[in-house]
Amino acid sequence: MPETLSHEILMSGFPARSARGFLGWSTIVLLQTRRGYALFDTGGSGDRPGLMAKLTERGIDPKDIRTVILSHLHFDHIGNSEYFPKAQIVLHQSEVDYVREHMDDDPALSRYQVEGLLRSPQLTLVSGEPDVLPGIRMISTPGHTGGHVSLVITVGDKCIVLAQDAIKHRGEIETGIPLGAFDQEAGRESIRRIVDMADIIVPGHDGTLIMEDGRVLAASPLAAEVILTLDGRRITLEV
């Protein structure tokens, strides 16, 4: 385990949906800290084979994950939390409060998943804006949900904000508008807060973004591949 903090995008989010509704291809971040491996969000249930493969490629067993930090409780971010039996699951109290009030009117909340997670003995609730691990600060970024949080880390002289759905994709930085937010004004303020502090932003449904002289730049091209199981044809979606 390295002595210094590092992060890696295990699975990149992608800004797309279908006529059926949410695709839910969200970002999953691996954090390496002095206290062991941690994940920031776990994707949706459909991400399970890919997530497990990514961990195996790195020689990481699910039991090696010591901490799972959840940005919020939407189905596409919590779907694999139960696959890490040794992990402390960290969630903000304000998100629990939000869910208890809005379970029936937020379509991205899965009652069975959420209620099971809230009963888990692995769950730890936090409040305020704590350092959840050495060098990793949790900040409140509500709007997308009432209790959404992001993570802030510093690498060298760069401030990196793991924004998740406080900034879903680069378009929300360009317009300042949080699409589909529970609270539009809170969401706008969260976008402003992140943009004001960050050199690098990792959104919930886009690739890594670099802030440079007030402009937002993609760190690298972003693509996702869809494979038709009927005949194996591959379709590449590019941003």
Protein backbone atom coordinates (compact mmCIF):
# COMPACT_ATOMS: atom_id res chain seq x y z
CA MET A 1 0.00 0.00 0.00
CA PRO A 2 1.52 3.36 -1.00
CA GLU A 3 2.34 5.88 1.71
CA THR A 4 0.88 8.73 -0.33
CA LEU A 5 -2.72 9.25 -1.33
CA SER A 6 -3.71 8.40 -4.89
CA HIS A 7 -6.89 7.98 -6.85
CA GLU A 8 -7.82 6.07 -10.00
CA ILE A 9 -11.00 6.07 -12.07
CA LEU A 10 -11.96 2.40 -12.09
CA MET A 11 -15.04 2.96 -14.23
CA SER A 12 -15.76 6.27 -15.90
CA GLY A 13 -19.24 7.70 -15.99
CA PHE A 14 -20.87 8.46 -19.33
CA PRO A 15 -23.39 11.24 -20.11
CA ALA A 16 -26.17 9.31 -21.83
CA ARG A 17 -29.68 8.02 -21.37
CA SER A 18 -32.13 6.10 -23.51
CA ALA A 19 -35.79 6.47 -24.37
CA ARG A 20 -36.45 3.94 -21.61
CA GLY A 21 -34.91 6.19 -18.97
CA PHE A 22 -31.67 6.22 -16.98
CA LEU A 23 -28.63 4.28 -18.23
CA GLY A 24 -26.90 4.96 -14.93
CA TRP A 25 -23.31 4.59 -16.15
CA SER A 26 -21.65 6.36 -13.24
CA THR A 27 -18.11 6.97 -12.05
CA ILE A 28 -16.42 4.61 -9.57
CA VAL A 29 -13.19 5.85 -7.98
CA LEU A 30 -10.53 3.71 -6.28
CA LEU A 31 -8.66 5.51 -3.51
CA GLN A 32 -5.39 4.24 -2.09
CA THR A 33 -4.66 5.57 1.38
CA ARG A 34 -2.53 4.77 4.42
CA ARG A 35 -5.61 3.05 5.86
CA GLY A 36 -6.06 0.80 2.85
CA TYR A 37 -8.15 0.75 -0.29
CA ALA A 38 -11.39 2.71 -0.49
CA LEU A 39 -14.08 3.17 -3.11
CA PHE A 40 -16.06 6.31 -3.77
CA ASP A 41 -19.40 4.92 -4.95
CA THR A 42 -19.94 1.43 -6.33
CA GLY A 43 -21.96 1.93 -9.52
CA GLY A 44 -25.18 0.19 -10.41
CA SER A 45 -25.88 -3.53 -10.18
CA GLY A 46 -25.23 -3.90 -13.91
CA ASP A 47 -21.66 -2.67 -13.35
CA ARG A 48 -20.84 -5.63 -11.13
CA PRO A 49 -18.94 -7.82 -13.65
CA GLY A 50 -16.89 -4.87 -14.87
CA LEU A 51 -16.14 -3.58 -11.39
CA MET A 52 -15.01 -6.97 -10.13
CA ALA A 53 -12.85 -7.44 -13.23
CA LYS A 54 -11.19 -4.05 -12.69
CA LEU A 55 -10.36 -4.94 -9.09
CA THR A 56 -9.04 -8.38 -10.07
CA GLU A 57 -6.78 -6.80 -12.70
CA ARG A 58 -5.18 -4.80 -9.88
CA GLY A 59 -4.81 -7.78 -7.57
CA ILE A 60 -7.50 -6.44 -5.23
CA ASP A 61 -10.00 -8.78 -3.61
CA PRO A 62 -13.35 -7.32 -2.51
CA LYS A 63 -12.28 -8.12 1.07
CA ASP A 64 -9.32 -5.76 0.62
CA ILE A 65 -11.63 -2.73 0.31
CA ARG A 66 -11.62 -1.17 3.78
CA THR A 67 -13.94 1.78 3.16
CA VAL A 68 -16.84 2.54 0.81
CA ILE A 69 -17.86 6.19 0.72
CA LEU A 70 -21.23 6.97 -0.87
CA SER A 71 -21.96 10.32 -2.48
CA HIS A 72 -25.71 9.72 -2.32
CA LEU A 73 -28.23 6.89 -2.42
CA HIS A 74 -29.34 6.71 -6.06
CA PHE A 75 -29.45 3.23 -7.56
CA ASP A 76 -26.54 3.83 -9.97
CA HIS A 77 -24.12 4.70 -7.16
CA ILE A 78 -24.88 2.16 -4.41
CA GLY A 79 -25.64 -1.00 -6.39
CA ASN A 80 -22.57 -3.02 -5.36
CA SER A 81 -22.03 -1.84 -1.81
CA GLU A 82 -22.83 -5.26 -0.34
CA TYR A 83 -19.94 -6.89 -2.21
CA PHE A 84 -17.33 -5.48 0.17
CA PRO A 85 -17.83 -7.41 3.41
CA LYS A 86 -14.91 -5.88 5.32
CA ALA A 87 -15.64 -2.29 4.36
CA GLN A 88 -16.98 0.47 6.54
CA ILE A 89 -19.72 2.16 4.51
CA VAL A 90 -19.68 5.93 5.05
CA LEU A 91 -22.78 8.01 4.34
CA HIS A 92 -23.78 11.53 5.30
CA GLN A 93 -26.64 11.91 7.78
CA SER A 94 -28.27 14.57 5.60
CA GLU A 95 -28.73 12.02 2.80
CA VAL A 96 -30.54 9.70 5.20
CA ASP A 97 -32.79 12.60 6.19
CA TYR A 98 -33.47 13.35 2.52
CA VAL A 99 -34.32 9.74 1.72
CA ARG A 100 -36.71 9.39 4.64
CA GLU A 101 -38.67 12.37 3.34
CA HIS A 102 -38.45 11.75 -0.41
CA MET A 103 -38.32 7.98 -0.92
CA ASP A 104 -41.60 7.98 -2.79
CA ASP A 105 -40.97 10.97 -5.05
CA ASP A 106 -37.36 10.47 -6.19
CA PRO A 107 -37.46 7.93 -9.06
CA ALA A 108 -33.74 7.11 -8.77
CA LEU A 109 -34.14 5.74 -5.23
CA SER A 110 -34.61 1.99 -4.96
CA ARG A 111 -36.50 1.35 -1.73
CA TYR A 112 -35.27 -2.22 -1.26
CA GLN A 113 -31.65 -1.32 -1.91
CA VAL A 114 -31.73 1.76 0.29
CA GLU A 115 -33.56 0.15 3.20
CA GLY A 116 -31.21 -2.82 3.15
CA LEU A 117 -28.17 -0.56 3.17
CA LEU A 118 -29.51 1.56 6.03
CA ARG A 119 -29.90 -1.61 8.14
CA SER A 120 -26.31 -2.72 7.47
CA PRO A 121 -24.02 -3.03 10.52
CA GLN A 122 -21.22 -1.80 8.24
CA LEU A 123 -22.86 1.61 7.91
CA THR A 124 -21.36 4.69 9.59
CA LEU A 125 -23.16 8.03 9.41
CA VAL A 126 -21.19 11.29 9.47
CA SER A 127 -22.16 14.94 9.70
CA GLY A 128 -20.53 18.24 8.84
CA GLU A 129 -17.55 18.18 6.48
CA PRO A 130 -15.12 15.67 8.00
CA ASP A 131 -11.84 14.20 6.81
CA VAL A 132 -13.23 10.75 6.10
CA LEU A 133 -9.76 9.30 5.48
CA PRO A 134 -6.29 10.84 5.74
CA GLY A 135 -6.07 13.56 3.11
CA ILE A 136 -9.68 13.11 1.95
CA ARG A 137 -12.21 15.76 2.95
CA MET A 138 -15.93 15.27 2.46
CA ILE A 139 -17.84 18.42 1.48
CA SER A 140 -21.57 19.02 1.33
CA THR A 141 -22.77 19.50 -2.26
CA PRO A 142 -26.57 19.26 -2.12
CA GLY A 143 -28.93 19.84 -4.99
CA HIS A 144 -28.94 16.61 -6.96
CA THR A 145 -30.23 15.11 -3.72
CA GLY A 146 -30.70 16.76 -0.37
CA GLY A 147 -27.63 15.15 1.18
CA HIS A 148 -25.23 14.71 -1.73
CA VAL A 149 -21.52 14.93 -0.88
CA SER A 150 -18.29 15.20 -2.85
CA LEU A 151 -14.67 14.50 -1.91
CA VAL A 152 -11.70 16.85 -2.06
CA ILE A 153 -8.09 15.70 -2.28
CA THR A 154 -4.85 17.53 -2.98
CA VAL A 155 -2.16 15.95 -5.16
CA GLY A 156 0.95 18.08 -5.50
CA ASP A 157 -0.36 21.60 -5.99
CA LYS A 158 -3.63 20.50 -7.59
CA CYS A 159 -7.03 20.49 -5.91
CA ILE A 160 -9.04 17.53 -7.18
CA VAL A 161 -12.77 17.38 -6.52
CA LEU A 162 -14.49 14.03 -6.92
CA ALA A 163 -17.81 15.68 -7.61
CA GLN A 164 -20.03 12.75 -8.56
CA ASP A 165 -23.54 14.00 -9.32
CA ALA A 166 -23.04 17.48 -7.94
CA ILE A 167 -21.57 17.93 -11.43
CA LYS A 168 -22.80 15.13 -13.64
CA HIS A 169 -21.00 16.23 -16.80
CA ARG A 170 -19.14 19.14 -18.39
CA GLY A 171 -22.35 20.73 -19.65
CA GLU A 172 -23.38 21.55 -16.10
CA ILE A 173 -20.17 23.53 -15.60
CA GLU A 174 -20.69 25.41 -18.86
CA THR A 175 -24.30 26.35 -18.08
CA GLY A 176 -24.22 26.34 -14.28
CA ILE A 177 -27.50 24.40 -14.37
CA PRO A 178 -27.81 21.09 -12.48
CA LEU A 179 -30.15 19.07 -14.68
CA GLY A 180 -32.78 17.12 -12.79
CA ALA A 181 -31.74 18.46 -9.41
CA PHE A 182 -34.01 18.07 -6.40
CA ASP A 183 -33.11 21.63 -5.36
CA GLN A 184 -32.06 23.83 -8.28
CA GLU A 185 -30.64 26.70 -6.24
CA ALA A 186 -28.65 24.42 -3.95
CA GLY A 187 -27.41 22.56 -7.01
CA ARG A 188 -26.25 25.78 -8.68
CA GLU A 189 -24.41 26.80 -5.51
CA SER A 190 -22.71 23.39 -5.33
CA ILE A 191 -21.51 23.73 -8.93
CA ARG A 192 -20.14 27.21 -8.18
CA ARG A 193 -18.40 25.99 -5.04
CA ILE A 194 -16.68 23.12 -6.83
CA VAL A 195 -15.63 25.19 -9.84
CA ASP A 196 -14.19 27.90 -7.57
CA MET A 197 -11.92 25.46 -5.72
CA ALA A 198 -11.02 22.79 -8.26
CA ASP A 199 -8.14 22.38 -10.68
CA ILE A 200 -9.46 18.95 -11.68
CA ILE A 201 -13.05 17.71 -11.47
CA VAL A 202 -14.21 14.11 -11.67
CA PRO A 203 -17.94 14.19 -12.54
CA GLY A 204 -20.48 11.46 -11.90
CA HIS A 205 -21.31 10.84 -15.56
CA ASP A 206 -18.38 12.10 -17.62
CA GLY A 207 -14.62 11.77 -17.86
CA THR A 208 -12.09 13.75 -15.85
CA LEU A 209 -12.24 17.50 -16.51
CA ILE A 210 -9.51 20.13 -16.20
CA MET A 211 -10.28 23.72 -15.23
CA GLU A 212 -7.97 26.13 -17.05
CA ASP A 213 -8.37 29.92 -17.12
CA GLY A 214 -12.11 29.63 -16.55
CA ARG A 215 -12.54 27.00 -19.27
CA VAL A 216 -13.44 23.36 -18.83
CA LEU A 217 -11.36 20.87 -20.83
CA ALA A 218 -11.67 17.11 -21.14
CA ALA A 219 -8.55 15.38 -19.83
CA SER A 220 -8.93 12.73 -22.54
CA PRO A 221 -11.51 11.55 -25.10
CA LEU A 222 -14.47 9.69 -23.62
CA ALA A 223 -16.11 6.69 -25.26
CA ALA A 224 -18.39 3.83 -24.27
CA GLU A 225 -19.00 0.61 -26.17
CA VAL A 226 -22.32 -1.16 -26.51
CA ILE A 227 -22.26 -4.82 -27.57
CA LEU A 228 -25.37 -6.37 -29.14
CA THR A 229 -25.68 -9.82 -27.57
CA LEU A 230 -27.74 -11.03 -30.53
CA ASP A 231 -24.85 -10.99 -33.00
CA GLY A 232 -21.84 -9.46 -31.21
CA ARG A 233 -21.92 -6.18 -33.10
CA ARG A 234 -20.11 -3.35 -31.28
CA ILE A 235 -21.30 0.25 -31.27
CA THR A 236 -19.04 2.95 -29.91
CA LEU A 237 -20.51 6.10 -28.39
CA GLU A 238 -18.11 9.04 -28.25
CA VAL A 239 -18.22 12.46 -26.56
